[in-house]
Amino acid sequence: MSGTFPISAGFETLDFQSNTTSRVSVSVSGRTQRIKTGSQYWSFKLKSPAMTRADMMADYAFIVQQDGQVESFNIVPPTISTTRGTASGTITVANTTSTSPVISLSAGSTAVGTTGGTGTLKKGDLIKFSNHNKVYMITEDVNLDGSTVERITFYPPLITALTGGGQTITYTNVPFTVCMDRDEQKFITQADGTYKYEIVMNEEI
């Protein structure tokens, strides 16, 4: 890990995508078989606004310290890292399992029980468990009343178990652990003397 990206002047655009790996085969009869062959991960491209030299070099110094794709670091992407809902307070994973509705703390689960917090979380919001590097996306709206055990569903399935519960859930300013997607990193000098750069990052699991 090599720190947290400084984001001196913010970003003007964000391209965000989900990546999965699958294998598809088609027989001579036309029958198709599909199988998932790898873990899901997020990636995104960020473009800076026109920046002063001072702001540009603060960001660029951090970028070059990553040794291309070697190091990983934390970054909070703009806009998407905070819930669209009204949730507030501390949300904690409950030590609860059930089969109907399905709630499990095991790796591979897509739903867990939670306690605490009030307000709403919206499908499409991003969350992060306190014992995970992985970021997950909520797939159903959630209403929190602060006391009832609520069911949160998400994608992808848990890559690590939440044994015993008690983990907190980050839903505001969700940090991604990422690495650069290439070894070469450059910036552009504009005709007016300002600077711009573009970076592409892949989530590290």
N, C-alpha and C. Protein backbone atom coordinates (compact mmCIF):
# COMPACT_ATOMS: atom_id res chain seq x y z
N MET A 1 0.85 -1.19 0.00
CA MET A 1 0.00 0.00 0.00
C MET A 1 0.88 1.24 0.00
N SER A 2 0.51 2.21 -0.83
CA SER A 2 1.31 3.41 -0.89
C SER A 2 0.45 4.66 -0.75
N GLY A 3 -0.28 4.75 0.37
CA GLY A 3 -0.99 5.99 0.69
C GLY A 3 -2.36 6.12 0.07
N THR A 4 -2.88 7.36 0.17
CA THR A 4 -4.19 7.72 -0.37
C THR A 4 -4.02 8.82 -1.40
N PHE A 5 -4.65 8.66 -2.55
CA PHE A 5 -4.50 9.62 -3.63
C PHE A 5 -4.93 11.01 -3.15
N PRO A 6 -4.13 12.06 -3.41
CA PRO A 6 -4.40 13.38 -2.84
C PRO A 6 -5.56 14.13 -3.47
N ILE A 7 -5.87 13.92 -4.74
CA ILE A 7 -6.96 14.59 -5.46
C ILE A 7 -6.92 16.10 -5.20
N SER A 8 -5.88 16.76 -5.66
CA SER A 8 -5.67 18.18 -5.37
C SER A 8 -6.75 19.08 -5.94
N ALA A 9 -7.22 18.81 -7.15
CA ALA A 9 -8.20 19.71 -7.79
C ALA A 9 -9.47 18.99 -8.21
N GLY A 10 -9.66 17.75 -7.77
CA GLY A 10 -10.84 17.00 -8.15
C GLY A 10 -10.75 16.45 -9.56
N PHE A 11 -11.87 15.93 -10.06
CA PHE A 11 -11.92 15.36 -11.40
C PHE A 11 -13.15 15.87 -12.13
N GLU A 12 -13.03 16.01 -13.46
CA GLU A 12 -14.16 16.50 -14.23
C GLU A 12 -14.99 15.39 -14.84
N THR A 13 -14.42 14.20 -15.03
CA THR A 13 -15.19 13.07 -15.55
C THR A 13 -14.77 11.79 -14.87
N LEU A 14 -15.72 10.83 -14.85
CA LEU A 14 -15.47 9.52 -14.27
C LEU A 14 -16.11 8.48 -15.17
N ASP A 15 -15.32 7.52 -15.64
CA ASP A 15 -15.83 6.36 -16.37
C ASP A 15 -15.67 5.15 -15.45
N PHE A 16 -16.79 4.48 -15.14
CA PHE A 16 -16.79 3.41 -14.13
C PHE A 16 -17.31 2.14 -14.76
N GLN A 17 -16.67 1.00 -14.45
CA GLN A 17 -17.16 -0.25 -15.03
C GLN A 17 -16.92 -1.44 -14.12
N SER A 18 -17.77 -2.46 -14.30
CA SER A 18 -17.64 -3.73 -13.62
C SER A 18 -17.01 -4.72 -14.59
N ASN A 19 -16.06 -5.52 -14.08
CA ASN A 19 -15.35 -6.48 -14.92
C ASN A 19 -15.52 -7.89 -14.37
N THR A 20 -15.94 -8.80 -15.22
CA THR A 20 -16.00 -10.22 -14.87
C THR A 20 -15.34 -11.02 -16.00
N THR A 21 -14.87 -12.19 -15.66
CA THR A 21 -14.24 -13.06 -16.65
C THR A 21 -15.07 -14.33 -16.79
N SER A 22 -15.42 -14.67 -18.01
CA SER A 22 -16.21 -15.88 -18.24
C SER A 22 -15.70 -16.60 -19.47
N ARG A 23 -16.06 -17.86 -19.55
CA ARG A 23 -15.69 -18.68 -20.70
C ARG A 23 -16.97 -19.16 -21.37
N VAL A 24 -17.09 -18.94 -22.67
CA VAL A 24 -18.28 -19.32 -23.43
C VAL A 24 -17.86 -20.31 -24.51
N SER A 25 -18.56 -21.41 -24.58
CA SER A 25 -18.30 -22.38 -25.65
C SER A 25 -19.62 -22.75 -26.33
N VAL A 26 -19.56 -22.92 -27.64
CA VAL A 26 -20.74 -23.27 -28.43
C VAL A 26 -20.46 -24.57 -29.17
N SER A 27 -21.31 -25.56 -28.95
CA SER A 27 -21.13 -26.86 -29.60
C SER A 27 -21.62 -26.80 -31.04
N VAL A 28 -21.34 -27.85 -31.81
CA VAL A 28 -21.79 -27.88 -33.21
C VAL A 28 -23.30 -27.91 -33.31
N SER A 29 -23.96 -28.35 -32.24
CA SER A 29 -25.43 -28.38 -32.24
C SER A 29 -26.04 -27.02 -31.90
N GLY A 30 -25.17 -26.09 -31.50
CA GLY A 30 -25.65 -24.76 -31.14
C GLY A 30 -25.87 -24.56 -29.66
N ARG A 31 -25.63 -25.59 -28.87
CA ARG A 31 -25.80 -25.46 -27.42
C ARG A 31 -24.67 -24.61 -26.85
N THR A 32 -25.03 -23.64 -26.02
CA THR A 32 -24.05 -22.72 -25.44
C THR A 32 -23.85 -23.04 -23.96
N GLN A 33 -22.60 -23.07 -23.55
CA GLN A 33 -22.26 -23.24 -22.15
C GLN A 33 -21.45 -22.04 -21.69
N ARG A 34 -21.80 -21.52 -20.53
CA ARG A 34 -21.12 -20.35 -19.99
C ARG A 34 -20.70 -20.63 -18.55
N ILE A 35 -19.49 -20.24 -18.22
CA ILE A 35 -19.00 -20.43 -16.85
C ILE A 35 -18.14 -19.24 -16.45
N LYS A 36 -18.30 -18.82 -15.21
CA LYS A 36 -17.49 -17.73 -14.67
C LYS A 36 -16.13 -18.29 -14.27
N THR A 37 -15.06 -17.62 -14.68
CA THR A 37 -13.72 -18.16 -14.45
C THR A 37 -12.85 -17.28 -13.56
N GLY A 38 -13.34 -16.19 -13.11
CA GLY A 38 -12.53 -15.31 -12.27
C GLY A 38 -13.39 -14.42 -11.40
N SER A 39 -12.75 -13.67 -10.50
CA SER A 39 -13.47 -12.77 -9.60
C SER A 39 -13.86 -11.48 -10.31
N GLN A 40 -14.94 -10.88 -9.82
CA GLN A 40 -15.35 -9.57 -10.33
C GLN A 40 -14.47 -8.50 -9.72
N TYR A 41 -14.19 -7.44 -10.48
CA TYR A 41 -13.50 -6.28 -9.93
C TYR A 41 -13.98 -5.03 -10.65
N TRP A 42 -13.84 -3.88 -10.00
CA TRP A 42 -14.23 -2.59 -10.57
C TRP A 42 -13.01 -1.92 -11.19
N SER A 43 -13.25 -1.11 -12.19
CA SER A 43 -12.19 -0.26 -12.73
C SER A 43 -12.80 1.07 -13.12
N PHE A 44 -11.98 2.10 -13.16
CA PHE A 44 -12.49 3.41 -13.54
C PHE A 44 -11.38 4.30 -14.08
N LYS A 45 -11.83 5.25 -14.92
CA LYS A 45 -10.94 6.25 -15.51
C LYS A 45 -11.33 7.61 -14.97
N LEU A 46 -10.35 8.38 -14.53
CA LEU A 46 -10.58 9.72 -14.01
C LEU A 46 -9.79 10.73 -14.83
N LYS A 47 -10.46 11.82 -15.19
CA LYS A 47 -9.81 12.89 -15.93
C LYS A 47 -9.81 14.15 -15.09
N SER A 48 -8.66 14.77 -14.97
CA SER A 48 -8.56 15.98 -14.14
C SER A 48 -9.09 17.18 -14.89
N PRO A 49 -9.50 18.22 -14.18
CA PRO A 49 -9.78 19.50 -14.83
C PRO A 49 -8.46 20.19 -15.15
N ALA A 50 -8.51 21.36 -15.78
CA ALA A 50 -7.30 22.16 -15.98
C ALA A 50 -6.76 22.56 -14.60
N MET A 51 -5.47 22.34 -14.37
CA MET A 51 -4.89 22.52 -13.05
C MET A 51 -3.70 23.47 -13.12
N THR A 52 -3.42 24.08 -11.98
CA THR A 52 -2.19 24.86 -11.87
C THR A 52 -1.01 23.90 -11.80
N ARG A 53 0.18 24.42 -12.01
CA ARG A 53 1.36 23.57 -11.93
C ARG A 53 1.52 22.98 -10.53
N ALA A 54 1.25 23.78 -9.51
CA ALA A 54 1.42 23.32 -8.12
C ALA A 54 0.50 22.14 -7.83
N ASP A 55 -0.80 22.25 -8.22
CA ASP A 55 -1.73 21.16 -7.99
C ASP A 55 -1.37 19.93 -8.82
N MET A 56 -1.00 20.18 -10.08
CA MET A 56 -0.65 19.08 -10.97
C MET A 56 0.52 18.26 -10.42
N MET A 57 1.56 18.93 -10.01
CA MET A 57 2.75 18.21 -9.57
C MET A 57 2.54 17.48 -8.24
N ALA A 58 1.64 18.00 -7.41
CA ALA A 58 1.30 17.29 -6.17
C ALA A 58 0.67 15.93 -6.50
N ASP A 59 -0.26 15.92 -7.47
CA ASP A 59 -0.88 14.67 -7.88
C ASP A 59 0.12 13.78 -8.62
N TYR A 60 0.89 14.37 -9.52
CA TYR A 60 1.78 13.58 -10.35
C TYR A 60 2.90 12.93 -9.53
N ALA A 61 3.37 13.63 -8.51
CA ALA A 61 4.39 13.06 -7.64
C ALA A 61 3.87 11.78 -6.98
N PHE A 62 2.60 11.81 -6.57
CA PHE A 62 2.00 10.61 -5.98
C PHE A 62 1.89 9.50 -7.03
N ILE A 63 1.47 9.87 -8.24
CA ILE A 63 1.29 8.88 -9.31
C ILE A 63 2.59 8.15 -9.61
N VAL A 64 3.70 8.88 -9.78
CA VAL A 64 4.95 8.23 -10.16
C VAL A 64 5.51 7.37 -9.03
N GLN A 65 5.14 7.68 -7.78
CA GLN A 65 5.61 6.85 -6.66
C GLN A 65 5.00 5.45 -6.67
N GLN A 66 3.96 5.25 -7.47
CA GLN A 66 3.33 3.94 -7.53
C GLN A 66 4.11 2.93 -8.36
N ASP A 67 5.22 3.37 -9.00
CA ASP A 67 6.04 2.47 -9.81
C ASP A 67 5.19 1.75 -10.86
N GLY A 68 4.45 2.53 -11.62
CA GLY A 68 3.58 1.94 -12.63
C GLY A 68 2.48 1.13 -11.98
N GLN A 69 2.44 -0.17 -12.27
CA GLN A 69 1.40 -1.05 -11.74
C GLN A 69 1.83 -1.78 -10.46
N VAL A 70 3.00 -1.47 -9.94
CA VAL A 70 3.55 -2.26 -8.83
C VAL A 70 2.80 -2.03 -7.52
N GLU A 71 2.61 -0.77 -7.14
CA GLU A 71 2.03 -0.44 -5.83
C GLU A 71 0.51 -0.34 -5.90
N SER A 72 -0.13 -0.51 -4.76
CA SER A 72 -1.56 -0.25 -4.63
C SER A 72 -1.76 0.91 -3.67
N PHE A 73 -2.92 1.56 -3.78
CA PHE A 73 -3.20 2.74 -2.97
C PHE A 73 -4.71 2.89 -2.83
N ASN A 74 -5.14 3.81 -1.97
CA ASN A 74 -6.56 4.08 -1.78
C ASN A 74 -6.97 5.34 -2.53
N ILE A 75 -8.20 5.32 -3.04
CA ILE A 75 -8.76 6.50 -3.68
C ILE A 75 -10.28 6.48 -3.48
N VAL A 76 -10.86 7.64 -3.25
CA VAL A 76 -12.31 7.78 -3.13
C VAL A 76 -12.81 8.46 -4.40
N PRO A 77 -13.39 7.72 -5.34
CA PRO A 77 -13.87 8.33 -6.58
C PRO A 77 -14.99 9.33 -6.30
N PRO A 78 -15.11 10.37 -7.11
CA PRO A 78 -16.17 11.36 -6.88
C PRO A 78 -17.55 10.78 -7.14
N THR A 79 -18.54 11.32 -6.45
CA THR A 79 -19.98 11.06 -6.66
C THR A 79 -20.40 9.65 -6.29
N ILE A 80 -19.87 8.62 -6.95
CA ILE A 80 -20.38 7.26 -6.77
C ILE A 80 -20.04 6.68 -5.41
N SER A 81 -19.11 7.28 -4.68
CA SER A 81 -18.66 6.70 -3.42
C SER A 81 -19.55 7.02 -2.23
N THR A 82 -20.63 7.75 -2.46
CA THR A 82 -21.53 8.12 -1.36
C THR A 82 -22.96 7.73 -1.71
N THR A 83 -23.69 7.19 -0.74
CA THR A 83 -25.05 6.72 -0.97
C THR A 83 -25.96 7.80 -1.55
N ARG A 84 -26.91 7.38 -2.37
CA ARG A 84 -27.96 8.27 -2.86
C ARG A 84 -29.11 8.35 -1.86
N GLY A 85 -29.06 7.51 -0.83
CA GLY A 85 -30.12 7.49 0.16
C GLY A 85 -29.89 8.48 1.28
N THR A 86 -30.59 8.25 2.39
CA THR A 86 -30.56 9.18 3.52
C THR A 86 -29.89 8.56 4.76
N ALA A 87 -29.20 7.46 4.57
CA ALA A 87 -28.63 6.73 5.71
C ALA A 87 -27.69 7.59 6.54
N SER A 88 -27.73 7.36 7.85
CA SER A 88 -26.79 8.00 8.76
C SER A 88 -26.54 7.06 9.93
N GLY A 89 -25.44 7.30 10.65
CA GLY A 89 -25.09 6.46 11.79
C GLY A 89 -24.25 5.26 11.39
N THR A 90 -23.90 4.46 12.39
CA THR A 90 -23.03 3.30 12.18
C THR A 90 -23.86 2.07 11.88
N ILE A 91 -23.59 1.44 10.74
CA ILE A 91 -24.27 0.20 10.34
C ILE A 91 -23.29 -0.96 10.58
N THR A 92 -23.75 -1.98 11.28
CA THR A 92 -22.90 -3.09 11.67
C THR A 92 -23.48 -4.41 11.17
N VAL A 93 -22.61 -5.33 10.75
CA VAL A 93 -23.05 -6.66 10.31
C VAL A 93 -23.50 -7.45 11.54
N ALA A 94 -24.73 -7.99 11.47
CA ALA A 94 -25.28 -8.78 12.57
C ALA A 94 -24.80 -10.23 12.47
N ASN A 95 -24.59 -10.85 13.62
CA ASN A 95 -24.20 -12.26 13.66
C ASN A 95 -25.45 -13.11 13.51
N THR A 96 -26.04 -13.06 12.32
CA THR A 96 -27.32 -13.70 12.05
C THR A 96 -27.27 -14.45 10.74
N THR A 97 -27.84 -15.65 10.71
CA THR A 97 -27.97 -16.40 9.46
C THR A 97 -29.40 -16.93 9.37
N SER A 98 -29.88 -17.10 8.14
CA SER A 98 -31.20 -17.68 7.92
C SER A 98 -31.28 -18.19 6.49
N THR A 99 -32.27 -19.05 6.26
CA THR A 99 -32.45 -19.59 4.91
C THR A 99 -33.61 -18.92 4.18
N SER A 100 -34.53 -18.30 4.90
CA SER A 100 -35.66 -17.62 4.25
C SER A 100 -36.09 -16.43 5.09
N PRO A 101 -35.71 -15.21 4.68
CA PRO A 101 -34.87 -14.93 3.53
C PRO A 101 -33.41 -15.34 3.80
N VAL A 102 -32.66 -15.53 2.73
CA VAL A 102 -31.29 -15.99 2.85
C VAL A 102 -30.41 -14.90 3.46
N ILE A 103 -29.75 -15.21 4.56
CA ILE A 103 -28.75 -14.34 5.18
C ILE A 103 -27.59 -15.23 5.60
N SER A 104 -26.39 -14.92 5.17
CA SER A 104 -25.24 -15.76 5.49
C SER A 104 -24.00 -14.89 5.62
N LEU A 105 -23.10 -15.28 6.51
CA LEU A 105 -21.84 -14.58 6.69
C LEU A 105 -20.69 -15.27 5.98
N SER A 106 -20.98 -16.34 5.25
CA SER A 106 -19.95 -17.13 4.60
C SER A 106 -19.50 -16.51 3.29
N ALA A 107 -18.27 -16.85 2.88
CA ALA A 107 -17.82 -16.46 1.56
C ALA A 107 -18.78 -17.02 0.52
N GLY A 108 -19.11 -16.22 -0.48
CA GLY A 108 -20.08 -16.62 -1.50
C GLY A 108 -21.47 -16.09 -1.26
N SER A 109 -21.74 -15.55 -0.06
CA SER A 109 -23.05 -15.00 0.26
C SER A 109 -23.30 -13.70 -0.50
N THR A 110 -24.55 -13.44 -0.82
CA THR A 110 -24.94 -12.17 -1.45
C THR A 110 -25.92 -11.39 -0.59
N ALA A 111 -26.07 -11.79 0.68
CA ALA A 111 -26.97 -11.07 1.59
C ALA A 111 -26.51 -11.27 3.03
N VAL A 112 -26.47 -10.19 3.79
CA VAL A 112 -26.14 -10.27 5.21
C VAL A 112 -27.16 -9.47 6.00
N GLY A 113 -27.25 -9.77 7.29
CA GLY A 113 -28.09 -8.99 8.18
C GLY A 113 -27.29 -7.86 8.80
N THR A 114 -27.94 -6.74 9.06
CA THR A 114 -27.26 -5.59 9.66
C THR A 114 -28.12 -4.97 10.75
N THR A 115 -27.46 -4.27 11.67
CA THR A 115 -28.15 -3.50 12.69
C THR A 115 -27.56 -2.09 12.72
N GLY A 116 -28.32 -1.18 13.34
CA GLY A 116 -27.83 0.20 13.48
C GLY A 116 -28.09 1.02 12.24
N GLY A 117 -27.86 2.32 12.39
CA GLY A 117 -28.08 3.24 11.29
C GLY A 117 -29.56 3.49 11.08
N THR A 118 -29.87 4.63 10.51
CA THR A 118 -31.25 4.97 10.15
C THR A 118 -31.27 5.55 8.75
N GLY A 119 -32.45 5.56 8.15
CA GLY A 119 -32.59 6.12 6.80
C GLY A 119 -32.54 5.03 5.74
N THR A 120 -32.11 5.39 4.54
CA THR A 120 -32.17 4.46 3.42
C THR A 120 -30.83 4.32 2.72
N LEU A 121 -30.61 3.13 2.17
CA LEU A 121 -29.55 2.87 1.21
C LEU A 121 -30.23 2.44 -0.08
N LYS A 122 -29.67 2.85 -1.23
CA LYS A 122 -30.32 2.62 -2.51
C LYS A 122 -29.55 1.58 -3.33
N LYS A 123 -30.30 0.80 -4.12
CA LYS A 123 -29.62 -0.13 -5.02
C LYS A 123 -28.74 0.65 -5.98
N GLY A 124 -27.54 0.13 -6.18
CA GLY A 124 -26.52 0.85 -6.94
C GLY A 124 -25.53 1.57 -6.06
N ASP A 125 -25.85 1.74 -4.75
CA ASP A 125 -24.89 2.32 -3.81
C ASP A 125 -23.73 1.36 -3.60
N LEU A 126 -22.56 1.91 -3.32
CA LEU A 126 -21.38 1.11 -3.03
C LEU A 126 -21.14 1.02 -1.53
N ILE A 127 -20.71 -0.14 -1.06
CA ILE A 127 -20.42 -0.34 0.35
C ILE A 127 -19.11 -1.10 0.50
N LYS A 128 -18.55 -1.02 1.70
CA LYS A 128 -17.32 -1.75 1.99
C LYS A 128 -17.36 -2.24 3.43
N PHE A 129 -17.09 -3.52 3.64
CA PHE A 129 -17.03 -4.09 4.99
C PHE A 129 -15.66 -3.81 5.59
N SER A 130 -15.63 -3.62 6.90
CA SER A 130 -14.39 -3.17 7.55
C SER A 130 -13.27 -4.20 7.50
N ASN A 131 -13.57 -5.48 7.23
CA ASN A 131 -12.51 -6.48 7.12
C ASN A 131 -12.24 -6.87 5.66
N HIS A 132 -12.70 -6.06 4.69
CA HIS A 132 -12.54 -6.35 3.28
C HIS A 132 -11.81 -5.22 2.56
N ASN A 133 -10.97 -5.56 1.58
CA ASN A 133 -10.50 -4.58 0.61
C ASN A 133 -11.52 -4.38 -0.50
N LYS A 134 -12.36 -5.40 -0.73
CA LYS A 134 -13.31 -5.40 -1.84
C LYS A 134 -14.45 -4.42 -1.60
N VAL A 135 -14.89 -3.78 -2.68
CA VAL A 135 -16.08 -2.92 -2.66
C VAL A 135 -17.24 -3.67 -3.31
N TYR A 136 -18.43 -3.57 -2.71
CA TYR A 136 -19.63 -4.26 -3.19
C TYR A 136 -20.70 -3.24 -3.58
N MET A 137 -21.64 -3.67 -4.43
CA MET A 137 -22.74 -2.80 -4.84
C MET A 137 -24.06 -3.36 -4.32
N ILE A 138 -24.86 -2.52 -3.66
CA ILE A 138 -26.17 -2.92 -3.15
C ILE A 138 -27.11 -3.18 -4.32
N THR A 139 -27.89 -4.27 -4.24
CA THR A 139 -28.77 -4.64 -5.35
C THR A 139 -30.26 -4.45 -5.05
N GLU A 140 -30.60 -4.11 -3.81
CA GLU A 140 -31.99 -3.80 -3.44
C GLU A 140 -32.00 -2.64 -2.45
N ASP A 141 -33.01 -1.78 -2.54
CA ASP A 141 -33.15 -0.69 -1.58
C ASP A 141 -33.28 -1.25 -0.16
N VAL A 142 -32.76 -0.51 0.82
CA VAL A 142 -32.80 -0.93 2.22
C VAL A 142 -33.34 0.23 3.06
N ASN A 143 -34.28 -0.09 3.96
CA ASN A 143 -34.77 0.89 4.94
C ASN A 143 -34.25 0.50 6.32
N LEU A 144 -33.57 1.42 6.97
CA LEU A 144 -32.96 1.17 8.27
C LEU A 144 -33.74 1.91 9.36
N ASP A 145 -34.08 1.19 10.45
CA ASP A 145 -34.80 1.85 11.53
C ASP A 145 -33.99 1.94 12.82
N GLY A 146 -32.72 1.47 12.76
CA GLY A 146 -31.85 1.61 13.92
C GLY A 146 -31.87 0.46 14.90
N SER A 147 -32.89 -0.43 14.81
CA SER A 147 -32.97 -1.52 15.79
C SER A 147 -33.24 -2.88 15.14
N THR A 148 -34.08 -2.92 14.12
CA THR A 148 -34.41 -4.18 13.45
C THR A 148 -33.21 -4.70 12.66
N VAL A 149 -33.06 -6.02 12.62
CA VAL A 149 -32.05 -6.62 11.74
C VAL A 149 -32.55 -6.50 10.30
N GLU A 150 -31.82 -5.74 9.50
CA GLU A 150 -32.20 -5.51 8.10
C GLU A 150 -31.33 -6.37 7.18
N ARG A 151 -31.90 -6.79 6.06
CA ARG A 151 -31.19 -7.61 5.08
C ARG A 151 -30.65 -6.72 3.97
N ILE A 152 -29.32 -6.76 3.76
CA ILE A 152 -28.69 -6.03 2.68
C ILE A 152 -28.19 -7.04 1.65
N THR A 153 -28.64 -6.88 0.40
CA THR A 153 -28.17 -7.74 -0.69
C THR A 153 -27.18 -6.95 -1.54
N PHE A 154 -26.23 -7.66 -2.13
CA PHE A 154 -25.14 -6.96 -2.82
C PHE A 154 -24.51 -7.87 -3.87
N TYR A 155 -23.70 -7.26 -4.72
CA TYR A 155 -22.92 -7.96 -5.75
C TYR A 155 -21.52 -7.36 -5.74
N PRO A 156 -20.49 -8.18 -5.96
CA PRO A 156 -20.49 -9.62 -6.15
C PRO A 156 -20.64 -10.36 -4.83
N PRO A 157 -20.68 -11.71 -4.85
CA PRO A 157 -20.72 -12.47 -3.59
C PRO A 157 -19.48 -12.18 -2.74
N LEU A 158 -19.64 -12.34 -1.43
CA LEU A 158 -18.53 -12.13 -0.49
C LEU A 158 -17.30 -12.94 -0.90
N ILE A 159 -16.15 -12.28 -0.95
CA ILE A 159 -14.93 -13.01 -1.27
C ILE A 159 -14.26 -13.55 0.00
N THR A 160 -14.66 -13.01 1.16
CA THR A 160 -14.13 -13.45 2.45
C THR A 160 -15.28 -13.51 3.44
N ALA A 161 -15.29 -14.48 4.31
CA ALA A 161 -16.37 -14.63 5.28
C ALA A 161 -16.39 -13.47 6.28
N LEU A 162 -17.58 -13.18 6.78
CA LEU A 162 -17.76 -12.17 7.84
C LEU A 162 -17.99 -12.90 9.17
N THR A 163 -17.09 -13.78 9.52
CA THR A 163 -17.24 -14.67 10.67
C THR A 163 -17.53 -13.89 11.94
N GLY A 164 -18.64 -14.25 12.60
CA GLY A 164 -18.98 -13.64 13.87
C GLY A 164 -19.67 -12.30 13.78
N GLY A 165 -19.74 -11.71 12.59
CA GLY A 165 -20.35 -10.41 12.44
C GLY A 165 -19.55 -9.33 13.16
N GLY A 166 -20.18 -8.18 13.38
CA GLY A 166 -19.54 -7.08 14.08
C GLY A 166 -18.78 -6.11 13.19
N GLN A 167 -18.60 -6.46 11.91
CA GLN A 167 -17.90 -5.56 11.01
C GLN A 167 -18.78 -4.35 10.70
N THR A 168 -18.18 -3.18 10.58
CA THR A 168 -18.93 -2.00 10.20
C THR A 168 -18.96 -1.89 8.68
N ILE A 169 -19.95 -1.16 8.18
CA ILE A 169 -20.14 -0.99 6.74
C ILE A 169 -19.94 0.49 6.39
N THR A 170 -19.01 0.77 5.51
CA THR A 170 -18.80 2.13 5.01
C THR A 170 -19.70 2.36 3.81
N TYR A 171 -20.47 3.44 3.83
CA TYR A 171 -21.38 3.75 2.72
C TYR A 171 -21.24 5.21 2.26
N THR A 172 -20.37 5.95 2.91
CA THR A 172 -20.09 7.33 2.53
C THR A 172 -18.58 7.48 2.34
N ASN A 173 -18.18 8.11 1.24
CA ASN A 173 -16.75 8.22 0.91
C ASN A 173 -16.07 6.85 0.94
N VAL A 174 -16.65 5.91 0.22
CA VAL A 174 -16.14 4.54 0.18
C VAL A 174 -14.79 4.51 -0.53
N PRO A 175 -13.74 4.06 0.15
CA PRO A 175 -12.41 4.02 -0.47
C PRO A 175 -12.20 2.73 -1.27
N PHE A 176 -11.61 2.86 -2.44
CA PHE A 176 -11.22 1.71 -3.24
C PHE A 176 -9.72 1.47 -3.07
N THR A 177 -9.32 0.20 -2.95
CA THR A 177 -7.92 -0.17 -3.03
C THR A 177 -7.63 -0.53 -4.47
N VAL A 178 -6.73 0.20 -5.11
CA VAL A 178 -6.54 0.08 -6.56
C VAL A 178 -5.05 0.07 -6.92
N CYS A 179 -4.79 -0.26 -8.17
CA CYS A 179 -3.47 -0.08 -8.77
C CYS A 179 -3.68 0.49 -10.17
N MET A 180 -2.65 1.13 -10.70
CA MET A 180 -2.72 1.67 -12.05
C MET A 180 -2.84 0.53 -13.06
N ASP A 181 -3.48 0.80 -14.19
CA ASP A 181 -3.65 -0.26 -15.18
C ASP A 181 -2.53 -0.28 -16.22
N ARG A 182 -1.55 0.61 -16.07
CA ARG A 182 -0.42 0.64 -17.01
C ARG A 182 0.81 1.20 -16.31
N ASP A 183 1.96 0.95 -16.89
CA ASP A 183 3.21 1.43 -16.31
C ASP A 183 3.52 2.87 -16.69
N GLU A 184 3.05 3.31 -17.85
CA GLU A 184 3.36 4.67 -18.32
C GLU A 184 2.29 5.64 -17.84
N GLN A 185 2.71 6.73 -17.22
CA GLN A 185 1.78 7.76 -16.73
C GLN A 185 2.28 9.12 -17.20
N LYS A 186 1.41 9.89 -17.87
CA LYS A 186 1.84 11.17 -18.42
C LYS A 186 0.84 12.26 -18.08
N PHE A 187 1.28 13.51 -18.20
CA PHE A 187 0.36 14.64 -18.11
C PHE A 187 0.55 15.51 -19.35
N ILE A 188 -0.42 16.39 -19.60
CA ILE A 188 -0.42 17.24 -20.79
C ILE A 188 -0.39 18.69 -20.37
N THR A 189 0.47 19.47 -21.00
CA THR A 189 0.51 20.91 -20.78
C THR A 189 -0.38 21.59 -21.82
N GLN A 190 -1.35 22.39 -21.35
CA GLN A 190 -2.28 23.08 -22.24
C GLN A 190 -1.64 24.36 -22.79
N ALA A 191 -2.25 24.88 -23.85
CA ALA A 191 -1.75 26.10 -24.47
C ALA A 191 -1.80 27.29 -23.51
N ASP A 192 -2.74 27.27 -22.57
CA ASP A 192 -2.87 28.39 -21.63
C ASP A 192 -1.98 28.24 -20.40
N GLY A 193 -1.13 27.20 -20.39
CA GLY A 193 -0.21 27.01 -19.28
C GLY A 193 -0.75 26.16 -18.15
N THR A 194 -1.99 25.68 -18.27
CA THR A 194 -2.52 24.76 -17.27
C THR A 194 -2.17 23.32 -17.64
N TYR A 195 -2.48 22.40 -16.74
CA TYR A 195 -2.08 21.01 -16.91
C TYR A 195 -3.29 20.09 -16.75
N LYS A 196 -3.25 18.94 -17.43
CA LYS A 196 -4.28 17.92 -17.30
C LYS A 196 -3.64 16.53 -17.30
N TYR A 197 -4.35 15.58 -16.65
CA TYR A 197 -3.90 14.20 -16.73
C TYR A 197 -5.12 13.28 -16.68
N GLU A 198 -4.88 12.03 -17.05
CA GLU A 198 -5.91 11.01 -17.06
C GLU A 198 -5.32 9.73 -16.49
N ILE A 199 -6.03 9.09 -15.56
CA ILE A 199 -5.53 7.86 -14.97
C ILE A 199 -6.61 6.79 -15.03
N VAL A 200 -6.19 5.56 -15.24
CA VAL A 200 -7.10 4.41 -15.24
C VAL A 200 -6.62 3.46 -14.16
N MET A 201 -7.56 3.00 -13.31
CA MET A 201 -7.22 2.17 -12.17
C MET A 201 -8.08 0.93 -12.11
N ASN A 202 -7.51 -0.15 -11.63
CA ASN A 202 -8.22 -1.40 -11.42
C ASN A 202 -8.28 -1.71 -9.93
N GLU A 203 -9.43 -2.16 -9.46
CA GLU A 203 -9.55 -2.55 -8.06
C GLU A 203 -8.64 -3.73 -7.78
N GLU A 204 -7.96 -3.66 -6.65
CA GLU A 204 -7.12 -4.77 -6.20
C GLU A 204 -7.84 -5.54 -5.12
N ILE A 205 -7.96 -6.84 -5.30
CA ILE A 205 -8.72 -7.67 -4.36
C ILE A 205 -7.75 -8.43 -3.45
